[in-house]
Amino acid sequence: MRLSTRNQLAGTVSAIQPGAVMTVVTVQLDGGQSVVASITKDAAEDLELEVGKPVTALVKSTEVMLGVE
């Protein structure tokens, strides 16, 4: 599959936390960092995600916000 998204990060699923509606998926990237994605439960099931499965994290965002008090 070819995509227009330029930020493509190869990795492996390292953890899956299913919820009632959303599933939190942690991906261990090939460079050693990790990325956490919240996706719908249906999407996680459709992708047949499981720990150890290779995936590509696609990042399409214009901003990242952090806050502290």
PDB file of N, CA and C in Angstrom:
ATOM      1  N   MET A   1       0.843  -1.170   0.000  1.00  0.00           N
ATOM      2  CA  MET A   1       0.000   0.000   0.000  1.00  0.00           C
ATOM      3  C   MET A   1       0.892   1.237   0.000  1.00  0.00           C
ATOM      4  N   ARG A   2       0.576   2.187  -0.848  1.00  0.00           N
ATOM      5  CA  ARG A   2       1.302   3.448  -0.887  1.00  0.00           C
ATOM      6  C   ARG A   2       0.436   4.522  -0.244  1.00  0.00           C
ATOM      7  N   LEU A   3       1.064   5.337   0.605  1.00  0.00           N
ATOM      8  CA  LEU A   3       0.351   6.391   1.324  1.00  0.00           C
ATOM      9  C   LEU A   3       1.066   7.718   1.147  1.00  0.00           C
ATOM     10  N   SER A   4       0.333   8.804   1.278  1.00  0.00           N
ATOM     11  CA  SER A   4       0.944  10.130   1.177  1.00  0.00           C
ATOM     12  C   SER A   4       1.591  10.565   2.483  1.00  0.00           C
ATOM     13  N   THR A   5       1.294   9.886   3.569  1.00  0.00           N
ATOM     14  CA  THR A   5       1.854  10.253   4.867  1.00  0.00           C
ATOM     15  C   THR A   5       3.362  10.051   4.849  1.00  0.00           C
ATOM     16  N   ARG A   6       4.115  11.097   5.172  1.00  0.00           N
ATOM     17  CA  ARG A   6       5.580  11.029   5.113  1.00  0.00           C
ATOM     18  C   ARG A   6       6.202  10.515   6.402  1.00  0.00           C
ATOM     19  N   ASN A   7       5.550  10.718   7.521  1.00  0.00           N
ATOM     20  CA  ASN A   7       6.092  10.281   8.809  1.00  0.00           C
ATOM     21  C   ASN A   7       5.635   8.853   9.087  1.00  0.00           C
ATOM     22  N   GLN A   8       6.435   7.891   8.629  1.00  0.00           N
ATOM     23  CA  GLN A   8       6.125   6.483   8.788  1.00  0.00           C
ATOM     24  C   GLN A   8       7.205   5.848   9.649  1.00  0.00           C
ATOM     25  N   LEU A   9       6.802   5.293  10.797  1.00  0.00           N
ATOM     26  CA  LEU A   9       7.737   4.756  11.776  1.00  0.00           C
ATOM     27  C   LEU A   9       7.520   3.254  11.920  1.00  0.00           C
ATOM     28  N   ALA A  10       8.512   2.471  11.519  1.00  0.00           N
ATOM     29  CA  ALA A  10       8.405   1.015  11.596  1.00  0.00           C
ATOM     30  C   ALA A  10       8.659   0.545  13.022  1.00  0.00           C
ATOM     31  N   GLY A  11       7.893  -0.444  13.449  1.00  0.00           N
ATOM     32  CA  GLY A  11       8.070  -0.980  14.794  1.00  0.00           C
ATOM     33  C   GLY A  11       7.302  -2.265  14.999  1.00  0.00           C
ATOM     34  N   THR A  12       7.185  -2.643  16.275  1.00  0.00           N
ATOM     35  CA  THR A  12       6.522  -3.875  16.666  1.00  0.00           C
ATOM     36  C   THR A  12       5.590  -3.580  17.829  1.00  0.00           C
ATOM     37  N   VAL A  13       4.401  -4.156  17.800  1.00  0.00           N
ATOM     38  CA  VAL A  13       3.450  -3.974  18.896  1.00  0.00           C
ATOM     39  C   VAL A  13       4.049  -4.582  20.163  1.00  0.00           C
ATOM     40  N   SER A  14       4.153  -3.768  21.224  1.00  0.00           N
ATOM     41  CA  SER A  14       4.731  -4.267  22.475  1.00  0.00           C
ATOM     42  C   SER A  14       3.699  -4.385  23.592  1.00  0.00           C
ATOM     43  N   ALA A  15       2.555  -3.702  23.452  1.00  0.00           N
ATOM     44  CA  ALA A  15       1.497  -3.806  24.466  1.00  0.00           C
ATOM     45  C   ALA A  15       0.171  -3.382  23.860  1.00  0.00           C
ATOM     46  N   ILE A  16      -0.904  -4.015  24.339  1.00  0.00           N
ATOM     47  CA  ILE A  16      -2.255  -3.684  23.901  1.00  0.00           C
ATOM     48  C   ILE A  16      -3.140  -3.617  25.138  1.00  0.00           C
ATOM     49  N   GLN A  17      -3.838  -2.482  25.296  1.00  0.00           N
ATOM     50  CA  GLN A  17      -4.757  -2.300  26.418  1.00  0.00           C
ATOM     51  C   GLN A  17      -6.143  -2.041  25.856  1.00  0.00           C
ATOM     52  N   PRO A  18      -6.946  -3.100  25.711  1.00  0.00           N
ATOM     53  CA  PRO A  18      -8.292  -2.906  25.164  1.00  0.00           C
ATOM     54  C   PRO A  18      -9.221  -2.254  26.171  1.00  0.00           C
ATOM     55  N   GLY A  19     -10.097  -1.406  25.669  1.00  0.00           N
ATOM     56  CA  GLY A  19     -11.122  -0.787  26.499  1.00  0.00           C
ATOM     57  C   GLY A  19     -12.484  -1.058  25.892  1.00  0.00           C
ATOM     58  N   ALA A  20     -13.508  -0.448  26.451  1.00  0.00           N
ATOM     59  CA  ALA A  20     -14.865  -0.670  25.955  1.00  0.00           C
ATOM     60  C   ALA A  20     -15.047  -0.134  24.533  1.00  0.00           C
ATOM     61  N   VAL A  21     -14.407   1.009  24.235  1.00  0.00           N
ATOM     62  CA  VAL A  21     -14.555   1.632  22.923  1.00  0.00           C
ATOM     63  C   VAL A  21     -13.205   1.829  22.236  1.00  0.00           C
ATOM     64  N   MET A  22     -12.200   2.236  23.012  1.00  0.00           N
ATOM     65  CA  MET A  22     -10.873   2.517  22.465  1.00  0.00           C
ATOM     66  C   MET A  22      -9.864   1.478  22.950  1.00  0.00           C
ATOM     67  N   THR A  23      -8.822   1.263  22.132  1.00  0.00           N
ATOM     68  CA  THR A  23      -7.723   0.378  22.485  1.00  0.00           C
ATOM     69  C   THR A  23      -6.439   1.198  22.441  1.00  0.00           C
ATOM     70  N   VAL A  24      -5.614   1.082  23.469  1.00  0.00           N
ATOM     71  CA  VAL A  24      -4.334   1.770  23.523  1.00  0.00           C
ATOM     72  C   VAL A  24      -3.254   0.777  23.102  1.00  0.00           C
ATOM     73  N   VAL A  25      -2.510   1.147  22.063  1.00  0.00           N
ATOM     74  CA  VAL A  25      -1.494   0.260  21.495  1.00  0.00           C
ATOM     75  C   VAL A  25      -0.127   0.922  21.640  1.00  0.00           C
ATOM     76  N   THR A  26       0.814   0.210  22.239  1.00  0.00           N
ATOM     77  CA  THR A  26       2.189   0.700  22.350  1.00  0.00           C
ATOM     78  C   THR A  26       3.025   0.009  21.286  1.00  0.00           C
ATOM     79  N   VAL A  27       3.779   0.805  20.532  1.00  0.00           N
ATOM     80  CA  VAL A  27       4.631   0.292  19.463  1.00  0.00           C
ATOM     81  C   VAL A  27       6.085   0.596  19.806  1.00  0.00           C
ATOM     82  N   GLN A  28       6.906  -0.435  19.869  1.00  0.00           N
ATOM     83  CA  GLN A  28       8.347  -0.279  20.070  1.00  0.00           C
ATOM     84  C   GLN A  28       8.951  -0.029  18.696  1.00  0.00           C
ATOM     85  N   LEU A  29       9.509   1.161  18.500  1.00  0.00           N
ATOM     86  CA  LEU A  29      10.074   1.520  17.205  1.00  0.00           C
ATOM     87  C   LEU A  29      11.428   0.861  16.997  1.00  0.00           C
ATOM     88  N   ASP A  30      11.817   0.718  15.739  1.00  0.00           N
ATOM     89  CA  ASP A  30      13.092   0.083  15.419  1.00  0.00           C
ATOM     90  C   ASP A  30      14.275   0.826  16.014  1.00  0.00           C
ATOM     91  N   GLY A  31      14.137   2.137  16.242  1.00  0.00           N
ATOM     92  CA  GLY A  31      15.223   2.930  16.812  1.00  0.00           C
ATOM     93  C   GLY A  31      15.310   2.871  18.327  1.00  0.00           C
ATOM     94  N   GLY A  32      14.398   2.133  18.984  1.00  0.00           N
ATOM     95  CA  GLY A  32      14.434   1.986  20.433  1.00  0.00           C
ATOM     96  C   GLY A  32      13.398   2.802  21.186  1.00  0.00           C
ATOM     97  N   GLN A  33      12.833   3.822  20.558  1.00  0.00           N
ATOM     98  CA  GLN A  33      11.791   4.617  21.205  1.00  0.00           C
ATOM     99  C   GLN A  33      10.459   3.884  21.089  1.00  0.00           C
ATOM    100  N   SER A  34       9.458   4.411  21.804  1.00  0.00           N
ATOM    101  CA  SER A  34       8.125   3.833  21.665  1.00  0.00           C
ATOM    102  C   SER A  34       7.113   4.930  21.377  1.00  0.00           C
ATOM    103  N   VAL A  35       6.020   4.536  20.738  1.00  0.00           N
ATOM    104  CA  VAL A  35       4.918   5.418  20.400  1.00  0.00           C
ATOM    105  C   VAL A  35       3.649   4.748  20.905  1.00  0.00           C
ATOM    106  N   VAL A  36       2.754   5.551  21.478  1.00  0.00           N
ATOM    107  CA  VAL A  36       1.484   5.030  21.966  1.00  0.00           C
ATOM    108  C   VAL A  36       0.367   5.636  21.119  1.00  0.00           C
ATOM    109  N   ALA A  37      -0.523   4.769  20.640  1.00  0.00           N
ATOM    110  CA  ALA A  37      -1.646   5.219  19.812  1.00  0.00           C
ATOM    111  C   ALA A  37      -2.950   4.740  20.421  1.00  0.00           C
ATOM    112  N   SER A  38      -3.951   5.610  20.423  1.00  0.00           N
ATOM    113  CA  SER A  38      -5.306   5.223  20.814  1.00  0.00           C
ATOM    114  C   SER A  38      -6.112   5.063  19.540  1.00  0.00           C
ATOM    115  N   ILE A  39      -6.614   3.865  19.319  1.00  0.00           N
ATOM    116  CA  ILE A  39      -7.418   3.589  18.132  1.00  0.00           C
ATOM    117  C   ILE A  39      -8.724   2.937  18.578  1.00  0.00           C
ATOM    118  N   THR A  40      -9.701   2.902  17.708  1.00  0.00           N
ATOM    119  CA  THR A  40     -10.961   2.281  18.099  1.00  0.00           C
ATOM    120  C   THR A  40     -10.768   0.782  18.311  1.00  0.00           C
ATOM    121  N   LYS A  41     -11.593   0.228  19.161  1.00  0.00           N
ATOM    122  CA  LYS A  41     -11.556  -1.210  19.418  1.00  0.00           C
ATOM    123  C   LYS A  41     -11.798  -1.977  18.116  1.00  0.00           C
ATOM    124  N   ASP A  42     -12.754  -1.491  17.305  1.00  0.00           N
ATOM    125  CA  ASP A  42     -13.040  -2.136  16.024  1.00  0.00           C
ATOM    126  C   ASP A  42     -11.820  -2.141  15.104  1.00  0.00           C
ATOM    127  N   ALA A  43     -11.087  -1.017  15.060  1.00  0.00           N
ATOM    128  CA  ALA A  43      -9.895  -0.937  14.212  1.00  0.00           C
ATOM    129  C   ALA A  43      -8.831  -1.922  14.677  1.00  0.00           C
ATOM    130  N   ALA A  44      -8.632  -2.021  15.980  1.00  0.00           N
ATOM    131  CA  ALA A  44      -7.637  -2.959  16.519  1.00  0.00           C
ATOM    132  C   ALA A  44      -7.995  -4.393  16.142  1.00  0.00           C
ATOM    133  N   GLU A  45      -9.294  -4.709  16.212  1.00  0.00           N
ATOM    134  CA  GLU A  45      -9.734  -6.055  15.837  1.00  0.00           C
ATOM    135  C   GLU A  45      -9.581  -6.290  14.342  1.00  0.00           C
ATOM    136  N   ASP A  46      -9.939  -5.291  13.527  1.00  0.00           N
ATOM    137  CA  ASP A  46      -9.806  -5.420  12.069  1.00  0.00           C
ATOM    138  C   ASP A  46      -8.354  -5.633  11.649  1.00  0.00           C
ATOM    139  N   LEU A  47      -7.422  -4.952  12.347  1.00  0.00           N
ATOM    140  CA  LEU A  47      -5.993  -5.079  12.036  1.00  0.00           C
ATOM    141  C   LEU A  47      -5.384  -6.349  12.617  1.00  0.00           C
ATOM    142  N   GLU A  48      -6.169  -7.066  13.423  1.00  0.00           N
ATOM    143  CA  GLU A  48      -5.700  -8.294  14.073  1.00  0.00           C
ATOM    144  C   GLU A  48      -4.396  -8.051  14.836  1.00  0.00           C
ATOM    145  N   LEU A  49      -4.378  -6.961  15.604  1.00  0.00           N
ATOM    146  CA  LEU A  49      -3.172  -6.603  16.344  1.00  0.00           C
ATOM    147  C   LEU A  49      -2.921  -7.596  17.465  1.00  0.00           C
ATOM    148  N   GLU A  50      -1.645  -7.903  17.667  1.00  0.00           N
ATOM    149  CA  GLU A  50      -1.215  -8.745  18.776  1.00  0.00           C
ATOM    150  C   GLU A  50       0.225  -8.382  19.096  1.00  0.00           C
ATOM    151  N   VAL A  51       0.625  -8.613  20.330  1.00  0.00           N
ATOM    152  CA  VAL A  51       1.993  -8.312  20.747  1.00  0.00           C
ATOM    153  C   VAL A  51       2.961  -9.095  19.863  1.00  0.00           C
ATOM    154  N   GLY A  52       3.987  -8.390  19.379  1.00  0.00           N
ATOM    155  CA  GLY A  52       4.991  -9.006  18.516  1.00  0.00           C
ATOM    156  C   GLY A  52       4.736  -8.798  17.032  1.00  0.00           C
ATOM    157  N   LYS A  53       3.556  -8.294  16.672  1.00  0.00           N
ATOM    158  CA  LYS A  53       3.224  -8.081  15.267  1.00  0.00           C
ATOM    159  C   LYS A  53       3.903  -6.821  14.749  1.00  0.00           C
ATOM    160  N   PRO A  54       4.579  -6.896  13.595  1.00  0.00           N
ATOM    161  CA  PRO A  54       5.169  -5.696  13.012  1.00  0.00           C
ATOM    162  C   PRO A  54       4.084  -4.763  12.476  1.00  0.00           C
ATOM    163  N   VAL A  55       4.271  -3.470  12.715  1.00  0.00           N
ATOM    164  CA  VAL A  55       3.326  -2.454  12.252  1.00  0.00           C
ATOM    165  C   VAL A  55       4.101  -1.218  11.805  1.00  0.00           C
ATOM    166  N   THR A  56       3.411  -0.321  11.142  1.00  0.00           N
ATOM    167  CA  THR A  56       3.966   0.981  10.805  1.00  0.00           C
ATOM    168  C   THR A  56       3.075   2.036  11.435  1.00  0.00           C
ATOM    169  N   ALA A  57       3.664   2.908  12.252  1.00  0.00           N
ATOM    170  CA  ALA A  57       2.936   4.019  12.849  1.00  0.00           C
ATOM    171  C   ALA A  57       2.985   5.181  11.863  1.00  0.00           C
ATOM    172  N   LEU A  58       1.821   5.672  11.482  1.00  0.00           N
ATOM    173  CA  LEU A  58       1.727   6.783  10.543  1.00  0.00           C
ATOM    174  C   LEU A  58       1.330   8.023  11.323  1.00  0.00           C
ATOM    175  N   VAL A  59       2.155   9.069  11.229  1.00  0.00           N
ATOM    176  CA  VAL A  59       1.926  10.289  12.007  1.00  0.00           C
ATOM    177  C   VAL A  59       1.555  11.412  11.055  1.00  0.00           C
ATOM    178  N   LYS A  60       0.341  11.914  11.222  1.00  0.00           N
ATOM    179  CA  LYS A  60      -0.139  13.013  10.386  1.00  0.00           C
ATOM    180  C   LYS A  60      -0.711  14.067  11.328  1.00  0.00           C
ATOM    181  N   SER A  61       0.115  15.002  11.746  1.00  0.00           N
ATOM    182  CA  SER A  61      -0.322  16.002  12.711  1.00  0.00           C
ATOM    183  C   SER A  61       0.417  17.298  12.472  1.00  0.00           C
ATOM    184  N   THR A  62      -0.244  18.390  12.794  1.00  0.00           N
ATOM    185  CA  THR A  62       0.394  19.699  12.611  1.00  0.00           C
ATOM    186  C   THR A  62       0.950  20.261  13.894  1.00  0.00           C
ATOM    187  N   GLU A  63       0.625  19.647  15.052  1.00  0.00           N
ATOM    188  CA  GLU A  63       1.132  20.174  16.301  1.00  0.00           C
ATOM    189  C   GLU A  63       1.145  19.105  17.388  1.00  0.00           C
ATOM    190  N   VAL A  64       2.034  19.303  18.339  1.00  0.00           N
ATOM    191  CA  VAL A  64       2.095  18.482  19.553  1.00  0.00           C
ATOM    192  C   VAL A  64       2.067  19.456  20.711  1.00  0.00           C
ATOM    193  N   MET A  65       1.174  19.235  21.673  1.00  0.00           N
ATOM    194  CA  MET A  65       1.041  20.142  22.794  1.00  0.00           C
ATOM    195  C   MET A  65       1.358  19.426  24.094  1.00  0.00           C
ATOM    196  N   LEU A  66       2.091  20.083  24.981  1.00  0.00           N
ATOM    197  CA  LEU A  66       2.401  19.589  26.319  1.00  0.00           C
ATOM    198  C   LEU A  66       2.058  20.683  27.313  1.00  0.00           C
ATOM    199  N   GLY A  67       1.704  20.328  28.520  1.00  0.00           N
ATOM    200  CA  GLY A  67       1.420  21.311  29.549  1.00  0.00           C
ATOM    201  C   GLY A  67       1.853  20.811  30.918  1.00  0.00           C
ATOM    202  N   VAL A  68       2.293  21.708  31.751  1.00  0.00           N
ATOM    203  CA  VAL A  68       2.659  21.387  33.133  1.00  0.00           C
ATOM    204  C   VAL A  68       2.186  22.507  34.031  1.00  0.00           C
ATOM    205  N   GLU A  69       2.069  22.230  35.337  1.00  0.00           N
ATOM    206  CA  GLU A  69       1.694  23.261  36.297  1.00  0.00           C
ATOM    207  C   GLU A  69       2.840  23.514  37.229  1.00  0.00           C
TER     208      GLU A  69
END
